[in-house]
PDB file of N, CA and C in Angstrom:
ATOM      1  N   MET A   1     -11.385 -13.624   5.425  1.00  0.00           N
ATOM      2  CA  MET A   1     -10.614 -13.843   4.301  1.00  0.00           C
ATOM      3  C   MET A   1     -10.293 -15.385   4.095  1.00  0.00           C
ATOM      4  N   THR A   2     -10.511 -15.936   2.903  1.00  0.00           N
ATOM      5  CA  THR A   2     -10.333 -17.401   2.858  1.00  0.00           C
ATOM      6  C   THR A   2      -8.813 -17.459   2.360  1.00  0.00           C
ATOM      7  N   ARG A   3      -8.492 -18.834   2.637  1.00  0.00           N
ATOM      8  CA  ARG A   3      -6.988 -19.217   2.350  1.00  0.00           C
ATOM      9  C   ARG A   3      -6.516 -18.728   1.007  1.00  0.00           C
ATOM     10  N   SER A   4      -7.384 -18.890   0.100  1.00  0.00           N
ATOM     11  CA  SER A   4      -7.196 -18.444  -1.285  1.00  0.00           C
ATOM     12  C   SER A   4      -6.738 -17.028  -1.610  1.00  0.00           C
ATOM     13  N   SER A   5      -7.733 -16.287  -1.026  1.00  0.00           N
ATOM     14  CA  SER A   5      -7.704 -14.779  -1.088  1.00  0.00           C
ATOM     15  C   SER A   5      -6.520 -14.224  -0.353  1.00  0.00           C
ATOM     16  N   GLU A   6      -6.257 -15.038   0.921  1.00  0.00           N
ATOM     17  CA  GLU A   6      -4.892 -14.773   1.633  1.00  0.00           C
ATOM     18  C   GLU A   6      -3.759 -14.784   0.674  1.00  0.00           C
ATOM     19  N   SER A   7      -3.684 -16.214   0.181  1.00  0.00           N
ATOM     20  CA  SER A   7      -2.286 -16.300  -0.663  1.00  0.00           C
ATOM     21  C   SER A   7      -2.299 -15.249  -1.743  1.00  0.00           C
ATOM     22  N   LEU A   8      -3.601 -15.102  -2.265  1.00  0.00           N
ATOM     23  CA  LEU A   8      -3.434 -13.975  -3.647  1.00  0.00           C
ATOM     24  C   LEU A   8      -3.009 -12.901  -2.946  1.00  0.00           C
ATOM     25  N   GLY A   9      -3.449 -12.325  -1.890  1.00  0.00           N
ATOM     26  CA  GLY A   9      -2.772 -11.005  -1.264  1.00  0.00           C
ATOM     27  C   GLY A   9      -1.424 -10.974  -0.817  1.00  0.00           C
ATOM     28  N   THR A  10      -0.974 -12.100  -0.414  1.00  0.00           N
ATOM     29  CA  THR A  10       0.413 -12.286  -0.119  1.00  0.00           C
ATOM     30  C   THR A  10       1.337 -12.273  -1.031  1.00  0.00           C
ATOM     31  N   ALA A  11       0.903 -13.002  -2.271  1.00  0.00           N
ATOM     32  CA  ALA A  11       1.707 -12.932  -3.587  1.00  0.00           C
ATOM     33  C   ALA A  11       1.588 -11.641  -4.342  1.00  0.00           C
ATOM     34  N   GLY A  12       0.568 -10.961  -4.164  1.00  0.00           N
ATOM     35  CA  GLY A  12       0.183  -9.588  -4.722  1.00  0.00           C
ATOM     36  C   GLY A  12       1.087  -8.595  -3.806  1.00  0.00           C
ATOM     37  N   GLU A  13       1.162  -8.707  -2.675  1.00  0.00           N
ATOM     38  CA  GLU A  13       2.205  -7.747  -1.822  1.00  0.00           C
ATOM     39  C   GLU A  13       3.584  -8.121  -2.167  1.00  0.00           C
ATOM     40  N   ALA A  14       4.001  -9.126  -2.574  1.00  0.00           N
ATOM     41  CA  ALA A  14       5.448  -9.495  -2.765  1.00  0.00           C
ATOM     42  C   ALA A  14       5.664  -8.840  -4.143  1.00  0.00           C
ATOM     43  N   PHE A  15       4.881  -9.110  -5.140  1.00  0.00           N
ATOM     44  CA  PHE A  15       5.019  -8.495  -6.474  1.00  0.00           C
ATOM     45  C   PHE A  15       5.151  -7.055  -6.317  1.00  0.00           C
ATOM     46  N   ALA A  16       4.096  -6.574  -5.485  1.00  0.00           N
ATOM     47  CA  ALA A  16       4.223  -4.841  -5.451  1.00  0.00           C
ATOM     48  C   ALA A  16       5.713  -4.556  -4.901  1.00  0.00           C
ATOM     49  N   ALA A  17       5.985  -5.258  -3.926  1.00  0.00           N
ATOM     50  CA  ALA A  17       7.156  -4.697  -3.267  1.00  0.00           C
ATOM     51  C   ALA A  17       8.502  -4.878  -4.502  1.00  0.00           C
ATOM     52  N   ARG A  18       8.625  -5.840  -5.260  1.00  0.00           N
ATOM     53  CA  ARG A  18       9.353  -5.948  -6.158  1.00  0.00           C
ATOM     54  C   ARG A  18       9.412  -5.032  -7.271  1.00  0.00           C
ATOM     55  N   PHE A  19       8.014  -4.573  -7.586  1.00  0.00           N
ATOM     56  CA  PHE A  19       7.843  -3.511  -8.574  1.00  0.00           C
ATOM     57  C   PHE A  19       8.291  -2.274  -7.925  1.00  0.00           C
ATOM     58  N   LEU A  20       8.165  -1.948  -6.950  1.00  0.00           N
ATOM     59  CA  LEU A  20       8.612  -0.698  -6.463  1.00  0.00           C
ATOM     60  C   LEU A  20      10.196  -0.671  -6.194  1.00  0.00           C
ATOM     61  N   VAL A  21      10.764  -1.772  -5.980  1.00  0.00           N
ATOM     62  CA  VAL A  21      12.070  -1.636  -5.624  1.00  0.00           C
ATOM     63  C   VAL A  21      12.756  -1.514  -6.822  1.00  0.00           C
ATOM     64  N   GLU A  22      12.389  -2.190  -8.109  1.00  0.00           N
ATOM     65  CA  GLU A  22      12.726  -2.005  -9.276  1.00  0.00           C
ATOM     66  C   GLU A  22      12.840  -0.589  -9.918  1.00  0.00           C
ATOM     67  N   ARG A  23      11.782   0.153  -9.128  1.00  0.00           N
ATOM     68  CA  ARG A  23      11.636   1.618  -9.527  1.00  0.00           C
ATOM     69  C   ARG A  23      12.411   2.430  -8.611  1.00  0.00           C
ATOM     70  N   GLY A  24      13.097   1.968  -7.842  1.00  0.00           N
ATOM     71  CA  GLY A  24      14.080   2.738  -7.107  1.00  0.00           C
ATOM     72  C   GLY A  24      13.663   3.251  -5.606  1.00  0.00           C
ATOM     73  N   TRP A  25      12.577   2.425  -5.183  1.00  0.00           N
ATOM     74  CA  TRP A  25      12.049   2.561  -3.817  1.00  0.00           C
ATOM     75  C   TRP A  25      12.618   1.631  -2.922  1.00  0.00           C
ATOM     76  N   ARG A  26      12.994   1.858  -1.830  1.00  0.00           N
ATOM     77  CA  ARG A  26      13.423   1.057  -0.766  1.00  0.00           C
ATOM     78  C   ARG A  26      12.343   0.766   0.155  1.00  0.00           C
ATOM     79  N   ILE A  27      12.409  -0.584   0.377  1.00  0.00           N
ATOM     80  CA  ILE A  27      11.192  -1.025   1.252  1.00  0.00           C
ATOM     81  C   ILE A  27      11.741  -0.668   2.778  1.00  0.00           C
ATOM     82  N   LEU A  28      10.966   0.150   3.698  1.00  0.00           N
ATOM     83  CA  LEU A  28      11.351   0.347   5.137  1.00  0.00           C
ATOM     84  C   LEU A  28      10.558  -0.808   5.992  1.00  0.00           C
ATOM     85  N   ASP A  29       9.412  -1.073   5.642  1.00  0.00           N
ATOM     86  CA  ASP A  29       8.555  -2.004   6.398  1.00  0.00           C
ATOM     87  C   ASP A  29       7.448  -2.473   5.548  1.00  0.00           C
ATOM     88  N   ARG A  30       7.120  -3.731   5.938  1.00  0.00           N
ATOM     89  CA  ARG A  30       6.276  -4.504   5.174  1.00  0.00           C
ATOM     90  C   ARG A  30       5.314  -5.334   6.208  1.00  0.00           C
ATOM     91  N   ASN A  31       3.965  -5.154   5.845  1.00  0.00           N
ATOM     92  CA  ASN A  31       3.130  -5.811   6.814  1.00  0.00           C
ATOM     93  C   ASN A  31       3.154  -5.740   8.188  1.00  0.00           C
ATOM     94  N   ILE A  32       3.247  -4.419   8.750  1.00  0.00           N
ATOM     95  CA  ILE A  32       3.308  -4.085   9.976  1.00  0.00           C
ATOM     96  C   ILE A  32       2.031  -3.647  10.469  1.00  0.00           C
ATOM     97  N   ARG A  33       1.891  -3.560  11.743  1.00  0.00           N
ATOM     98  CA  ARG A  33       0.864  -2.886  12.622  1.00  0.00           C
ATOM     99  C   ARG A  33       1.410  -1.691  13.337  1.00  0.00           C
ATOM    100  N   SER A  34       0.553  -0.615  13.257  1.00  0.00           N
ATOM    101  CA  SER A  34       0.809   0.544  13.846  1.00  0.00           C
ATOM    102  C   SER A  34      -0.503   1.252  14.329  1.00  0.00           C
ATOM    103  N   ALA A  35      -0.396   1.672  15.459  1.00  0.00           N
ATOM    104  CA  ALA A  35      -1.725   2.251  16.055  1.00  0.00           C
ATOM    105  C   ALA A  35      -2.988   1.422  15.662  1.00  0.00           C
ATOM    106  N   GLY A  36      -2.797   0.057  15.674  1.00  0.00           N
ATOM    107  CA  GLY A  36      -4.051  -0.948  15.521  1.00  0.00           C
ATOM    108  C   GLY A  36      -4.252  -0.824  13.960  1.00  0.00           C
ATOM    109  N   VAL A  37      -3.472  -0.610  13.201  1.00  0.00           N
ATOM    110  CA  VAL A  37      -3.808  -0.519  11.718  1.00  0.00           C
ATOM    111  C   VAL A  37      -2.587  -1.279  11.011  1.00  0.00           C
ATOM    112  N   GLU A  38      -3.026  -2.282  10.024  1.00  0.00           N
ATOM    113  CA  GLU A  38      -2.061  -2.921   9.120  1.00  0.00           C
ATOM    114  C   GLU A  38      -1.643  -2.032   8.109  1.00  0.00           C
ATOM    115  N   ILE A  39      -0.335  -1.912   7.865  1.00  0.00           N
ATOM    116  CA  ILE A  39       0.234  -1.176   6.623  1.00  0.00           C
ATOM    117  C   ILE A  39       1.000  -2.094   5.960  1.00  0.00           C
ATOM    118  N   ASP A  40       0.452  -2.333   4.650  1.00  0.00           N
ATOM    119  CA  ASP A  40       1.093  -2.963   3.590  1.00  0.00           C
ATOM    120  C   ASP A  40       2.543  -2.723   3.515  1.00  0.00           C
ATOM    121  N   LEU A  41       2.745  -1.631   2.965  1.00  0.00           N
ATOM    122  CA  LEU A  41       4.334  -1.167   2.659  1.00  0.00           C
ATOM    123  C   LEU A  41       4.859   0.325   2.948  1.00  0.00           C
ATOM    124  N   VAL A  42       5.699   0.209   3.682  1.00  0.00           N
ATOM    125  CA  VAL A  42       6.392   1.697   4.067  1.00  0.00           C
ATOM    126  C   VAL A  42       7.612   1.852   3.085  1.00  0.00           C
ATOM    127  N   THR A  43       7.590   2.725   2.127  1.00  0.00           N
ATOM    128  CA  THR A  43       8.733   2.950   1.246  1.00  0.00           C
ATOM    129  C   THR A  43       9.321   4.341   1.196  1.00  0.00           C
ATOM    130  N   GLN A  44      10.568   4.470   0.734  1.00  0.00           N
ATOM    131  CA  GLN A  44      11.235   5.502   0.583  1.00  0.00           C
ATOM    132  C   GLN A  44      11.851   5.882  -0.575  1.00  0.00           C
ATOM    133  N   ARG A  45      11.995   6.883  -1.383  1.00  0.00           N
ATOM    134  CA  ARG A  45      12.774   7.319  -2.333  1.00  0.00           C
ATOM    135  C   ARG A  45      12.782   8.902  -2.555  1.00  0.00           C
ATOM    136  N   ALA A  46      13.966   9.223  -2.548  1.00  0.00           N
ATOM    137  CA  ALA A  46      14.249  10.806  -2.856  1.00  0.00           C
ATOM    138  C   ALA A  46      13.613  11.665  -2.111  1.00  0.00           C
ATOM    139  N   GLY A  47      13.714  11.324  -0.761  1.00  0.00           N
ATOM    140  CA  GLY A  47      13.132  12.262   0.418  1.00  0.00           C
ATOM    141  C   GLY A  47      11.637  12.154   0.664  1.00  0.00           C
ATOM    142  N   ILE A  48      10.949  11.076  -0.241  1.00  0.00           N
ATOM    143  CA  ILE A  48       9.479  10.931   0.074  1.00  0.00           C
ATOM    144  C   ILE A  48       9.277   9.691   0.685  1.00  0.00           C
ATOM    145  N   LEU A  49       8.545   9.581   1.809  1.00  0.00           N
ATOM    146  CA  LEU A  49       8.076   8.470   2.457  1.00  0.00           C
ATOM    147  C   LEU A  49       6.868   8.062   1.932  1.00  0.00           C
ATOM    148  N   ALA A  50       6.508   6.987   1.501  1.00  0.00           N
ATOM    149  CA  ALA A  50       5.224   6.589   0.825  1.00  0.00           C
ATOM    150  C   ALA A  50       4.626   5.358   1.910  1.00  0.00           C
ATOM    151  N   PHE A  51       3.345   5.767   2.273  1.00  0.00           N
ATOM    152  CA  PHE A  51       2.637   4.498   2.707  1.00  0.00           C
ATOM    153  C   PHE A  51       1.784   3.793   1.695  1.00  0.00           C
ATOM    154  N   VAL A  52       1.934   2.508   1.471  1.00  0.00           N
ATOM    155  CA  VAL A  52       1.349   1.836   0.308  1.00  0.00           C
ATOM    156  C   VAL A  52       0.530   0.980   0.602  1.00  0.00           C
ATOM    157  N   GLU A  53      -0.871   1.285  -0.018  1.00  0.00           N
ATOM    158  CA  GLU A  53      -1.870   0.170   0.176  1.00  0.00           C
ATOM    159  C   GLU A  53      -1.950  -0.660  -0.807  1.00  0.00           C
ATOM    160  N   VAL A  54      -1.668  -2.050  -0.735  1.00  0.00           N
ATOM    161  CA  VAL A  54      -1.696  -2.914  -1.978  1.00  0.00           C
ATOM    162  C   VAL A  54      -3.116  -3.484  -2.009  1.00  0.00           C
ATOM    163  N   LYS A  55      -3.679  -3.510  -3.209  1.00  0.00           N
ATOM    164  CA  LYS A  55      -4.853  -4.086  -3.435  1.00  0.00           C
ATOM    165  C   LYS A  55      -4.620  -5.128  -4.716  1.00  0.00           C
ATOM    166  N   THR A  56      -4.860  -6.256  -4.285  1.00  0.00           N
ATOM    167  CA  THR A  56      -4.854  -7.537  -5.238  1.00  0.00           C
ATOM    168  C   THR A  56      -5.991  -8.131  -5.479  1.00  0.00           C
ATOM    169  N   ARG A  57      -6.537  -7.969  -6.824  1.00  0.00           N
ATOM    170  CA  ARG A  57      -7.811  -8.749  -7.317  1.00  0.00           C
ATOM    171  C   ARG A  57      -7.655  -9.718  -8.368  1.00  0.00           C
ATOM    172  N   ARG A  58      -8.426 -10.576  -8.570  1.00  0.00           N
ATOM    173  CA  ARG A  58      -8.576 -11.615  -9.575  1.00  0.00           C
ATOM    174  C   ARG A  58      -9.384 -11.056 -10.693  1.00  0.00           C
ATOM    175  N   THR A  59     -10.463 -10.387 -10.268  1.00  0.00           N
ATOM    176  CA  THR A  59     -11.392  -9.707 -11.286  1.00  0.00           C
ATOM    177  C   THR A  59     -11.892  -8.325 -10.850  1.00  0.00           C
ATOM    178  N   ARG A  60     -12.663  -7.819 -11.752  1.00  0.00           N
ATOM    179  CA  ARG A  60     -13.088  -6.561 -11.295  1.00  0.00           C
ATOM    180  C   ARG A  60     -14.592  -6.478 -11.185  1.00  0.00           C
ATOM    181  N   THR A  61     -15.208  -7.738 -10.803  1.00  0.00           N
ATOM    182  CA  THR A  61     -16.592  -7.716 -10.857  1.00  0.00           C
ATOM    183  C   THR A  61     -17.125  -6.924  -9.677  1.00  0.00           C
ATOM    184  N   ALA A  62     -16.498  -6.638  -8.612  1.00  0.00           N
ATOM    185  CA  ALA A  62     -16.874  -5.761  -7.406  1.00  0.00           C
ATOM    186  C   ALA A  62     -16.224  -4.352  -7.676  1.00  0.00           C
ATOM    187  N   GLY A  63     -16.011  -3.953  -8.935  1.00  0.00           N
ATOM    188  CA  GLY A  63     -15.456  -2.618  -9.354  1.00  0.00           C
ATOM    189  C   GLY A  63     -13.951  -2.653  -8.962  1.00  0.00           C
ATOM    190  N   LEU A  64     -13.373  -1.299  -9.503  1.00  0.00           N
ATOM    191  CA  LEU A  64     -12.094  -1.111  -9.581  1.00  0.00           C
ATOM    192  C   LEU A  64     -11.397  -1.493  -8.253  1.00  0.00           C
ATOM    193  N   PRO A  65     -10.272  -2.093  -8.059  1.00  0.00           N
ATOM    194  CA  PRO A  65      -9.830  -2.536  -6.625  1.00  0.00           C
ATOM    195  C   PRO A  65      -9.476  -1.267  -5.795  1.00  0.00           C
ATOM    196  N   GLU A  66      -9.082  -0.194  -6.583  1.00  0.00           N
ATOM    197  CA  GLU A  66      -8.772   1.038  -5.594  1.00  0.00           C
ATOM    198  C   GLU A  66      -9.911   1.677  -4.952  1.00  0.00           C
ATOM    199  N   GLU A  67     -11.095   1.505  -5.493  1.00  0.00           N
ATOM    200  CA  GLU A  67     -12.277   1.954  -5.005  1.00  0.00           C
ATOM    201  C   GLU A  67     -12.794   1.212  -3.776  1.00  0.00           C
ATOM    202  N   SER A  68     -11.995   0.233  -3.340  1.00  0.00           N
ATOM    203  CA  SER A  68     -12.152  -0.293  -1.893  1.00  0.00           C
ATOM    204  C   SER A  68     -11.346   0.560  -0.907  1.00  0.00           C
ATOM    205  N   VAL A  69     -10.622   1.501  -1.207  1.00  0.00           N
ATOM    206  CA  VAL A  69      -9.747   2.159  -0.344  1.00  0.00           C
ATOM    207  C   VAL A  69     -10.966   3.424  -0.129  1.00  0.00           C
ATOM    208  N   ASP A  70     -11.816   3.181   0.677  1.00  0.00           N
ATOM    209  CA  ASP A  70     -12.867   4.143   1.025  1.00  0.00           C
ATOM    210  C   ASP A  70     -12.448   5.193   1.975  1.00  0.00           C
ATOM    211  N   ALA A  71     -13.204   6.113   2.291  1.00  0.00           N
ATOM    212  CA  ALA A  71     -12.864   7.250   3.337  1.00  0.00           C
ATOM    213  C   ALA A  71     -12.442   6.554   4.819  1.00  0.00           C
ATOM    214  N   ARG A  72     -13.227   5.610   5.185  1.00  0.00           N
ATOM    215  CA  ARG A  72     -12.962   5.006   6.339  1.00  0.00           C
ATOM    216  C   ARG A  72     -11.398   4.296   6.352  1.00  0.00           C
ATOM    217  N   LYS A  73     -11.225   3.513   5.228  1.00  0.00           N
ATOM    218  CA  LYS A  73      -9.832   3.029   4.977  1.00  0.00           C
ATOM    219  C   LYS A  73      -8.855   4.023   5.080  1.00  0.00           C
ATOM    220  N   ARG A  74      -9.129   5.204   4.265  1.00  0.00           N
ATOM    221  CA  ARG A  74      -8.024   6.146   4.193  1.00  0.00           C
ATOM    222  C   ARG A  74      -7.743   6.741   5.461  1.00  0.00           C
ATOM    223  N   ALA A  75      -8.774   6.851   6.493  1.00  0.00           N
ATOM    224  CA  ALA A  75      -8.516   7.366   7.786  1.00  0.00           C
ATOM    225  C   ALA A  75      -7.803   6.561   8.595  1.00  0.00           C
ATOM    226  N   ARG A  76      -8.192   5.007   8.440  1.00  0.00           N
ATOM    227  CA  ARG A  76      -7.289   3.940   9.273  1.00  0.00           C
ATOM    228  C   ARG A  76      -5.823   4.354   8.726  1.00  0.00           C
ATOM    229  N   LEU A  77      -5.422   4.362   7.577  1.00  0.00           N
ATOM    230  CA  LEU A  77      -4.096   4.458   6.863  1.00  0.00           C
ATOM    231  C   LEU A  77      -3.433   5.493   7.415  1.00  0.00           C
ATOM    232  N   VAL A  78      -3.992   6.890   7.563  1.00  0.00           N
ATOM    233  CA  VAL A  78      -3.503   7.958   8.022  1.00  0.00           C
ATOM    234  C   VAL A  78      -3.317   7.677   9.468  1.00  0.00           C
ATOM    235  N   ARG A  79      -4.049   7.308  10.289  1.00  0.00           N
ATOM    236  CA  ARG A  79      -3.741   7.039  11.754  1.00  0.00           C
ATOM    237  C   ARG A  79      -2.468   6.004  11.840  1.00  0.00           C
ATOM    238  N   GLY A  80      -2.552   4.872  11.186  1.00  0.00           N
ATOM    239  CA  GLY A  80      -1.603   4.063  11.035  1.00  0.00           C
ATOM    240  C   GLY A  80      -0.197   4.619  10.779  1.00  0.00           C
ATOM    241  N   ALA A  81      -0.285   5.510   9.755  1.00  0.00           N
ATOM    242  CA  ALA A  81       0.943   6.381   9.223  1.00  0.00           C
ATOM    243  C   ALA A  81       1.492   7.257  10.347  1.00  0.00           C
ATOM    244  N   ALA A  82       0.533   7.916  11.203  1.00  0.00           N
ATOM    245  CA  ALA A  82       0.920   8.822  12.128  1.00  0.00           C
ATOM    246  C   ALA A  82       1.680   7.837  13.152  1.00  0.00           C
ATOM    247  N   GLY A  83       1.094   7.020  13.541  1.00  0.00           N
ATOM    248  CA  GLY A  83       1.690   6.008  14.574  1.00  0.00           C
ATOM    249  C   GLY A  83       2.939   5.698  14.393  1.00  0.00           C
ATOM    250  N   TRP A  84       3.317   5.140  12.919  1.00  0.00           N
ATOM    251  CA  TRP A  84       4.469   4.507  12.661  1.00  0.00           C
ATOM    252  C   TRP A  84       5.533   5.791  12.660  1.00  0.00           C
ATOM    253  N   LEU A  85       5.228   6.985  12.098  1.00  0.00           N
ATOM    254  CA  LEU A  85       6.103   8.141  12.315  1.00  0.00           C
ATOM    255  C   LEU A  85       6.419   8.520  13.600  1.00  0.00           C
ATOM    256  N   HIS A  86       5.503   8.465  14.518  1.00  0.00           N
ATOM    257  CA  HIS A  86       5.589   8.901  15.950  1.00  0.00           C
ATOM    258  C   HIS A  86       6.526   7.757  16.607  1.00  0.00           C
ATOM    259  N   GLU A  87       6.193   6.562  16.353  1.00  0.00           N
ATOM    260  CA  GLU A  87       6.970   5.370  17.090  1.00  0.00           C
ATOM    261  C   GLU A  87       8.482   5.472  16.496  1.00  0.00           C
ATOM    262  N   ARG A  88       8.768   6.038  15.476  1.00  0.00           N
ATOM    263  CA  ARG A  88      10.279   5.979  15.083  1.00  0.00           C
ATOM    264  C   ARG A  88      10.753   7.670  15.253  1.00  0.00           C
ATOM    265  N   ARG A  89       9.959   8.439  15.794  1.00  0.00           N
ATOM    266  CA  ARG A  89      10.463   9.782  16.013  1.00  0.00           C
ATOM    267  C   ARG A  89      10.753  10.592  14.562  1.00  0.00           C
ATOM    268  N   ILE A  90      10.135  10.294  13.677  1.00  0.00           N
ATOM    269  CA  ILE A  90      10.414  10.907  12.320  1.00  0.00           C
ATOM    270  C   ILE A  90       9.634  12.096  12.099  1.00  0.00           C
ATOM    271  N   ARG A  91      10.127  13.352  11.936  1.00  0.00           N
ATOM    272  CA  ARG A  91       9.523  14.530  11.744  1.00  0.00           C
ATOM    273  C   ARG A  91      10.155  15.162  10.496  1.00  0.00           C
ATOM    274  N   ARG A  92       9.128  16.168  10.046  1.00  0.00           N
ATOM    275  CA  ARG A  92       9.666  16.999   8.934  1.00  0.00           C
ATOM    276  C   ARG A  92      10.090  15.929   7.681  1.00  0.00           C
ATOM    277  N   VAL A  93       9.262  15.237   7.050  1.00  0.00           N
ATOM    278  CA  VAL A  93       9.502  14.346   6.170  1.00  0.00           C
ATOM    279  C   VAL A  93       8.364  14.444   5.282  1.00  0.00           C
ATOM    280  N   GLU A  94       8.493  14.438   3.904  1.00  0.00           N
ATOM    281  CA  GLU A  94       7.386  14.442   2.925  1.00  0.00           C
ATOM    282  C   GLU A  94       6.686  13.176   2.908  1.00  0.00           C
ATOM    283  N   VAL A  95       5.429  13.067   3.306  1.00  0.00           N
ATOM    284  CA  VAL A  95       4.615  11.879   3.433  1.00  0.00           C
ATOM    285  C   VAL A  95       3.535  11.792   2.110  1.00  0.00           C
ATOM    286  N   ARG A  96       3.449  10.590   1.752  1.00  0.00           N
ATOM    287  CA  ARG A  96       2.670  10.174   0.544  1.00  0.00           C
ATOM    288  C   ARG A  96       1.833   9.131   0.798  1.00  0.00           C
ATOM    289  N   PHE A  97       0.579   8.947   0.320  1.00  0.00           N
ATOM    290  CA  PHE A  97      -0.356   7.892   0.303  1.00  0.00           C
ATOM    291  C   PHE A  97      -0.569   7.264  -0.928  1.00  0.00           C
ATOM    292  N   ASP A  98      -0.029   6.311  -1.395  1.00  0.00           N
ATOM    293  CA  ASP A  98      -0.166   5.535  -2.618  1.00  0.00           C
ATOM    294  C   ASP A  98      -0.949   4.357  -2.538  1.00  0.00           C
ATOM    295  N   VAL A  99      -1.663   4.017  -3.494  1.00  0.00           N
ATOM    296  CA  VAL A  99      -2.326   2.648  -3.758  1.00  0.00           C
ATOM    297  C   VAL A  99      -1.756   1.951  -4.865  1.00  0.00           C
ATOM    298  N   LEU A 100      -1.300   0.721  -4.813  1.00  0.00           N
ATOM    299  CA  LEU A 100      -0.775  -0.012  -5.780  1.00  0.00           C
ATOM    300  C   LEU A 100      -1.876  -1.184  -6.122  1.00  0.00           C
ATOM    301  N   VAL A 101      -2.227  -1.280  -7.331  1.00  0.00           N
ATOM    302  CA  VAL A 101      -3.384  -2.313  -7.676  1.00  0.00           C
ATOM    303  C   VAL A 101      -2.400  -3.292  -8.192  1.00  0.00           C
ATOM    304  N   VAL A 102      -2.863  -4.525  -7.992  1.00  0.00           N
ATOM    305  CA  VAL A 102      -2.001  -5.989  -8.757  1.00  0.00           C
ATOM    306  C   VAL A 102      -3.128  -6.747  -9.122  1.00  0.00           C
ATOM    307  N   GLU A 103      -2.931  -7.131 -10.305  1.00  0.00           N
ATOM    308  CA  GLU A 103      -3.957  -7.851 -10.969  1.00  0.00           C
ATOM    309  C   GLU A 103      -3.289  -8.994 -11.892  1.00  0.00           C
ATOM    310  N   PRO A 104      -3.630 -10.316 -11.550  1.00  0.00           N
ATOM    311  CA  PRO A 104      -2.900 -11.241 -12.361  1.00  0.00           C
ATOM    312  C   PRO A 104      -3.730 -11.250 -14.103  1.00  0.00           C
ATOM    313  N   GLY A 105      -2.932 -11.602 -14.899  1.00  0.00           N
ATOM    314  CA  GLY A 105      -3.380 -11.728 -16.164  1.00  0.00           C
ATOM    315  C   GLY A 105      -2.979 -12.605 -16.981  1.00  0.00           C
ATOM    316  N   PRO A 106      -3.358 -12.784 -18.192  1.00  0.00           N
ATOM    317  CA  PRO A 106      -2.906 -13.906 -19.136  1.00  0.00           C
ATOM    318  C   PRO A 106      -1.209 -13.957 -19.270  1.00  0.00           C
ATOM    319  N   GLU A 107      -0.914 -12.792 -19.018  1.00  0.00           N
ATOM    320  CA  GLU A 107       0.791 -12.500 -19.515  1.00  0.00           C
ATOM    321  C   GLU A 107       1.484 -12.338 -18.147  1.00  0.00           C
ATOM    322  N   GLY A 108       0.845 -12.614 -17.154  1.00  0.00           N
ATOM    323  CA  GLY A 108       1.462 -12.517 -15.727  1.00  0.00           C
ATOM    324  C   GLY A 108       0.849 -11.244 -15.054  1.00  0.00           C
ATOM    325  N   TRP A 109       1.634 -11.055 -13.890  1.00  0.00           N
ATOM    326  CA  TRP A 109       0.939  -9.915 -13.102  1.00  0.00           C
ATOM    327  C   TRP A 109       1.079  -8.507 -13.772  1.00  0.00           C
ATOM    328  N   ARG A 110       0.070  -7.669 -13.420  1.00  0.00           N
ATOM    329  CA  ARG A 110       0.182  -6.315 -13.957  1.00  0.00           C
ATOM    330  C   ARG A 110       0.106  -5.403 -12.615  1.00  0.00           C
ATOM    331  N   CYS A 111       0.733  -4.164 -12.522  1.00  0.00           N
ATOM    332  CA  CYS A 111       0.540  -3.391 -11.528  1.00  0.00           C
ATOM    333  C   CYS A 111       0.033  -2.194 -11.868  1.00  0.00           C
ATOM    334  N   ARG A 112      -0.621  -1.244 -11.156  1.00  0.00           N
ATOM    335  CA  ARG A 112      -1.053   0.186 -11.383  1.00  0.00           C
ATOM    336  C   ARG A 112      -0.730   0.925 -10.213  1.00  0.00           C
ATOM    337  N   HIS A 113       0.305   1.765 -10.241  1.00  0.00           N
ATOM    338  CA  HIS A 113       0.835   2.432  -9.187  1.00  0.00           C
ATOM    339  C   HIS A 113      -0.044   4.017  -9.401  1.00  0.00           C
ATOM    340  N   LEU A 114      -0.635   4.066  -8.201  1.00  0.00           N
ATOM    341  CA  LEU A 114      -1.536   5.424  -7.841  1.00  0.00           C
ATOM    342  C   LEU A 114      -0.680   6.201  -6.876  1.00  0.00           C
ATOM    343  N   PRO A 115       0.421   6.861  -7.224  1.00  0.00           N
ATOM    344  CA  PRO A 115       1.047   7.764  -6.135  1.00  0.00           C
ATOM    345  C   PRO A 115       0.271   8.955  -5.859  1.00  0.00           C
ATOM    346  N   GLY A 116       0.274   9.305  -4.679  1.00  0.00           N
ATOM    347  CA  GLY A 116      -0.655  10.369  -3.848  1.00  0.00           C
ATOM    348  C   GLY A 116      -2.118  10.127  -4.152  1.00  0.00           C
ATOM    349  N   ALA A 117      -2.514   8.746  -4.139  1.00  0.00           N
ATOM    350  CA  ALA A 117      -3.965   8.422  -4.356  1.00  0.00           C
ATOM    351  C   ALA A 117      -4.823   9.343  -3.320  1.00  0.00           C
ATOM    352  N   PHE A 118      -4.405   9.795  -2.266  1.00  0.00           N
ATOM    353  CA  PHE A 118      -4.970  10.427  -1.303  1.00  0.00           C
ATOM    354  C   PHE A 118      -4.168  11.118  -0.329  1.00  0.00           C
ATOM    355  N   ASP A 119      -4.892  12.175   0.259  1.00  0.00           N
ATOM    356  CA  ASP A 119      -3.935  13.166   1.105  1.00  0.00           C
ATOM    357  C   ASP A 119      -4.630  12.723   2.392  1.00  0.00           C
ATOM    358  N   ALA A 120      -3.773  13.174   3.577  1.00  0.00           N
ATOM    359  CA  ALA A 120      -3.986  12.816   5.150  1.00  0.00           C
ATOM    360  C   ALA A 120      -5.446  13.551   5.344  1.00  0.00           C
ATOM    361  N   GLY A 121      -5.879  14.582   4.650  1.00  0.00           N
ATOM    362  CA  GLY A 121      -6.988  15.338   5.014  1.00  0.00           C
ATOM    363  C   GLY A 121      -8.260  14.959   4.276  1.00  0.00           C
ATOM    364  N   ASP A 122      -7.876  13.802   3.580  1.00  0.00           N
ATOM    365  CA  ASP A 122      -9.233  13.231   2.750  1.00  0.00           C
ATOM    366  C   ASP A 122     -10.157  12.416   3.647  1.00  0.00           C
TER     367      ASP A 122
END
């Protein structure tokens, strides 16, 4: 990852966190590693615990950003979420896996939140 894409990703994750907080989500963890997997955001609202993968892209030349969350990436995120839950001894909670796409535009940043983008069994 180049410094430019790294700073774009960091800015995108910060914007995504603000976007979620403005919609009533509480950020429990951010940019953490669990079970060898990086988790962008762990959020909670109304009894739902959401593990959020943030995808920030300048352009769509490589396709839609959410398409990069392939089966391998989904399996890693599920493993990381299971590790996070185990480390904190959290059981019996509704878990969801979201993807949040952040794209800079002429009028500022835009977000597309894809709640429940995939299930643990996908």
